Protein backbone atom coordinates (compact mmCIF):
# COMPACT_ATOMS: atom_id res chain seq x y z
CA UNK A 1 156.64 61.11 211.46
CA UNK A 2 157.47 63.49 208.63
CA UNK A 3 157.17 62.71 204.94
CA UNK A 4 160.97 62.89 204.57
CA UNK A 5 161.39 60.38 207.41
CA UNK A 6 158.80 58.09 205.78
CA UNK A 7 160.57 58.26 202.41
CA UNK A 8 163.93 57.54 204.01
CA UNK A 9 162.53 54.56 205.89
CA UNK A 10 160.83 53.18 202.78
CA UNK A 11 164.05 53.52 200.75
CA UNK A 12 166.13 51.98 203.54
CA UNK A 13 163.97 48.84 203.62
CA UNK A 14 162.93 48.53 199.96
CA UNK A 15 165.38 48.10 197.11
CA UNK A 16 162.88 46.83 194.51
CA UNK A 17 162.07 49.56 192.01
CA UNK A 18 158.69 47.97 191.25
CA UNK A 19 157.70 47.84 194.93
CA UNK A 20 158.82 51.44 195.47
CA UNK A 21 156.71 52.52 192.49
CA UNK A 22 153.74 50.66 193.93
CA UNK A 23 154.12 52.51 197.22
CA UNK A 24 154.40 55.82 195.33
CA UNK A 25 151.15 54.98 193.50
CA UNK A 26 149.37 54.19 196.76
CA UNK A 27 150.76 57.42 198.24
CA UNK A 28 149.30 59.41 195.32
CA UNK A 29 145.95 57.63 195.63
CA UNK A 30 145.81 58.17 199.39
CA UNK A 31 146.58 61.87 199.09
CA UNK A 32 143.89 62.24 196.41
CA UNK A 33 141.27 60.59 198.60
CA UNK A 34 142.41 62.68 201.58
CA UNK A 35 141.67 65.82 199.53
CA UNK A 36 138.29 64.41 198.52
CA UNK A 37 137.37 63.58 202.12
CA UNK A 38 138.85 66.73 203.69
CA UNK A 39 141.53 64.78 205.56
CA UNK A 40 145.25 65.40 206.16
CA UNK A 41 146.99 64.72 202.83
CA UNK A 42 150.44 64.38 204.35
CA UNK A 43 149.35 61.89 207.01
CA UNK A 44 147.39 59.80 204.52
CA UNK A 45 150.24 59.89 202.01
CA UNK A 46 152.70 58.66 204.63
CA UNK A 47 150.48 55.65 205.32
CA UNK A 48 150.40 54.95 201.58
CA UNK A 49 154.18 55.26 201.30
CA UNK A 50 154.82 52.93 204.21
CA UNK A 51 152.11 50.30 203.92
CA UNK A 52 154.43 47.76 202.21
CA UNK A 53 157.87 49.02 203.28
CA UNK A 54 158.63 45.75 205.10
CA UNK A 55 157.24 43.44 202.40
CA UNK A 56 160.53 42.87 200.58
CA UNK A 57 162.32 41.64 203.72
CA UNK A 58 159.34 39.93 205.39
CA UNK A 59 156.90 38.85 202.64
CA UNK A 60 154.81 36.65 204.97
CA UNK A 61 153.88 33.84 202.60
CA UNK A 62 152.36 32.01 205.58
CA UNK A 63 150.01 34.96 206.26
CA UNK A 64 150.89 35.09 209.93
CA UNK A 65 148.72 37.68 211.67
CA UNK A 66 151.52 38.69 214.05
CA UNK A 67 154.83 38.03 212.30
CA UNK A 68 156.48 39.43 209.17
CA UNK A 69 154.56 41.83 206.87
CA UNK A 70 152.82 44.04 207.96
CA UNK A 71 153.19 43.31 211.68
CA UNK A 72 156.98 43.59 211.71
CA UNK A 73 156.80 46.95 209.96
CA UNK A 74 154.09 48.32 212.23
CA UNK A 75 156.18 47.54 215.32
CA UNK A 76 159.00 49.64 213.83
CA UNK A 77 156.59 52.39 212.74
CA UNK A 78 155.23 52.68 216.28
CA UNK A 79 158.80 53.10 217.55
CA UNK A 80 159.38 55.78 214.90
CA UNK A 81 156.27 57.72 215.91
CA UNK A 82 153.59 56.84 213.36
CA UNK A 83 150.22 57.46 214.99
CA UNK A 84 148.01 54.56 216.00
CA UNK A 85 145.38 55.24 213.33
CA UNK A 86 148.06 54.91 210.64
CA UNK A 87 149.41 51.73 212.24
CA UNK A 88 145.93 50.20 212.41
CA UNK A 89 145.31 51.09 208.75
CA UNK A 90 148.54 49.38 207.69
CA UNK A 91 147.71 46.28 209.72
CA UNK A 92 144.17 46.24 208.32
CA UNK A 93 145.24 46.40 204.68
CA UNK A 94 146.30 42.75 205.09
CA UNK A 95 143.04 40.98 205.87
CA UNK A 96 144.88 38.01 207.40
CA UNK A 97 145.92 40.14 210.38
CA UNK A 98 142.30 40.19 211.52
CA UNK A 99 142.53 43.93 212.26
CA UNK A 100 139.20 45.53 211.34
CA UNK A 101 139.18 48.51 209.00
CA UNK A 102 137.09 50.88 211.10
CA UNK A 103 138.55 54.25 210.10
CA UNK A 104 138.11 55.92 206.75
CA UNK A 105 141.92 55.92 206.49
CA UNK A 106 142.04 52.13 206.87
CA UNK A 107 139.17 51.59 204.45
CA UNK A 108 140.83 53.83 201.87
CA UNK A 109 144.21 52.13 202.11
CA UNK A 110 142.58 48.74 201.56
CA UNK A 111 140.50 50.11 198.68
CA UNK A 112 143.40 51.65 196.77
CA UNK A 113 146.18 49.12 197.37
CA UNK A 114 145.24 46.30 194.97
CA UNK A 115 143.55 48.63 192.50
CA UNK A 116 146.68 50.80 192.12
CA UNK A 117 148.69 47.71 191.22
CA UNK A 118 146.02 46.54 188.80
CA UNK A 119 145.80 49.92 187.04
CA UNK A 120 149.56 49.99 186.53
CA UNK A 121 149.44 46.44 185.14
CA UNK A 122 146.65 47.51 182.74
CA UNK A 123 148.72 50.47 181.55
CA UNK A 124 151.85 48.37 181.03
CA UNK A 125 150.16 46.11 178.46
CA UNK A 126 148.83 49.01 176.39
CA UNK A 127 150.78 50.16 173.32
CA UNK A 128 151.10 53.59 174.96
CA UNK A 129 152.20 52.07 178.32
CA UNK A 130 150.15 54.92 179.75
CA UNK A 131 147.21 55.63 182.00
CA UNK A 132 146.28 58.59 179.77
CA UNK A 133 144.25 56.49 177.34
CA UNK A 134 143.11 53.81 179.81
CA UNK A 135 139.34 53.85 180.32
CA UNK A 136 137.16 52.41 183.06
CA UNK A 137 135.51 49.92 180.68
CA UNK A 138 138.93 48.56 179.67
CA UNK A 139 139.84 48.10 183.34
CA UNK A 140 136.53 46.32 184.00
CA UNK A 141 137.20 44.01 181.05
CA UNK A 142 140.67 43.18 182.40
CA UNK A 143 139.17 42.50 185.85
CA UNK A 144 137.09 39.72 184.27
CA UNK A 145 140.18 38.16 182.66
CA UNK A 146 141.43 35.86 185.43
CA UNK A 147 144.67 35.14 183.55
CA UNK A 148 145.63 38.83 183.52
CA UNK A 149 147.57 40.03 186.59
CA UNK A 150 146.50 36.90 188.39
CA UNK A 151 148.27 37.92 191.59
CA UNK A 152 145.83 40.79 192.07
CA UNK A 153 142.84 39.93 194.23
CA UNK A 154 139.68 40.90 192.39
CA UNK A 155 137.66 40.29 195.55
CA UNK A 156 139.84 42.76 197.48
CA UNK A 157 139.26 45.36 194.75
CA UNK A 158 135.50 44.87 194.88
CA UNK A 159 135.39 44.65 198.67
CA UNK A 160 137.57 47.76 198.99
CA UNK A 161 135.20 49.88 196.91
CA UNK A 162 132.24 48.53 198.89
CA UNK A 163 133.87 49.28 202.26
CA UNK A 164 134.73 52.76 201.04
CA UNK A 165 131.13 53.26 199.88
CA UNK A 166 132.15 54.23 196.36
CA UNK A 167 130.77 52.48 193.25
CA UNK A 168 133.57 50.48 191.63
CA UNK A 169 133.44 52.38 188.32
CA UNK A 170 133.69 55.70 190.18
CA UNK A 171 136.56 54.36 192.28
CA UNK A 172 138.46 53.25 189.17
CA UNK A 173 137.84 56.60 187.43
CA UNK A 174 138.96 58.53 190.53
CA UNK A 175 142.23 56.59 190.81
CA UNK A 176 142.95 56.91 187.09
CA UNK A 177 142.51 60.67 187.37
CA UNK A 178 144.74 60.82 190.46
CA UNK A 179 147.53 58.67 189.02
CA UNK A 180 147.73 60.11 185.50
CA UNK A 181 149.75 63.24 186.42
CA UNK A 182 152.28 61.01 188.25
CA UNK A 183 152.64 58.28 185.65
CA UNK A 184 156.25 59.11 184.73
CA UNK A 185 157.23 58.62 188.38
CA UNK A 186 155.44 55.27 188.25
CA UNK A 187 157.45 54.14 185.21
CA UNK A 188 154.57 54.61 182.77
CA UNK A 189 153.98 56.59 179.60
CA UNK A 190 156.40 57.71 176.95
CA UNK A 191 158.63 59.48 179.46
């Protein structure tokens, strides 16, 4: 699957601007970690772009391991030619599927997914609405505030960093650095 095909598929199935921006953020984070780990940036970015493409239509509130998000989407992605490692990573980012995160790709997707959303939420409540002046200690403080961005799983953020083998502060700093140049695309900053 090419990046253009992945973008077209994501846009075909996702009309929500906020959800698209989330998938762009995860794409950026995945490509950054691919560079760090010496992996294929395009392939990792595609997984980031597509990990939630079916969420809007099939949100899976019941957390079915085989129906709706992400299982519905992975069935389509297999038909469209996404490799099995990418499909397993997308299934594994939703712990309720029971699919183990054995590859570095799968571990990275799980590690960046919730944290990307949390970092954007942190930026949106700042006067600057920017990641540029957001610091790790501010993010850590917000993580302790259970009322802030309560839909974000703190345990998934912590577990993701642990599975990736990266200290949480380093993981936060790495994602901030990766996302800052793309913040306008994510609806952040003065732009």
